[in-house]
Amino acid sequence: QVQLVESGGGLVQSGGSLRLSCAVSGSSSERWAIGWFRQAPGKVREGLSCISSTEGRTYYAESVKGRFTISRDVAKNTVYLQMNNLKPDDTAVYYCASEWLDCGYYWASGSEYEHWGQGTQVTVSS
């Protein structure tokens, strides 16, 4: 069993930055690929980024490429999502989720992930 806990959300002005953290604990925590997703009220869940556990390969949605950076601190069992140049449209609840070993071909769909965190709210004011 794997537990995921997000933190780092909050209120930020447009153009600002936040760093989200996803603390991973449980069995073989370092062997899980971690994805970041978000869901805004009335909108479908959106896959943002994923980092594999094997070679640290990273994947990004076009909507956040160049603004968001995913990284992993193996020693701390934590995956980060650095978010820069935030916009009001980035307002949502952000979730991390785990998929065994690698980010699958359909990583952005969310369907292949086994465990999810509780989410952290990000609000970007204009």
Foldseek 3Di string as FASTA:
>chain_A
DKAWAKDWADEAAAQAKIKMKIAIDDDPLLQWKKWKWWDAPPDDIWTAKIFFSPPRDMDGDPVQPPFWDWDDDSVRSMIMIIGGRDDQVVWTWMKMFIAGGGQDPPNGVVPRTDDIYPTDTHGYHD
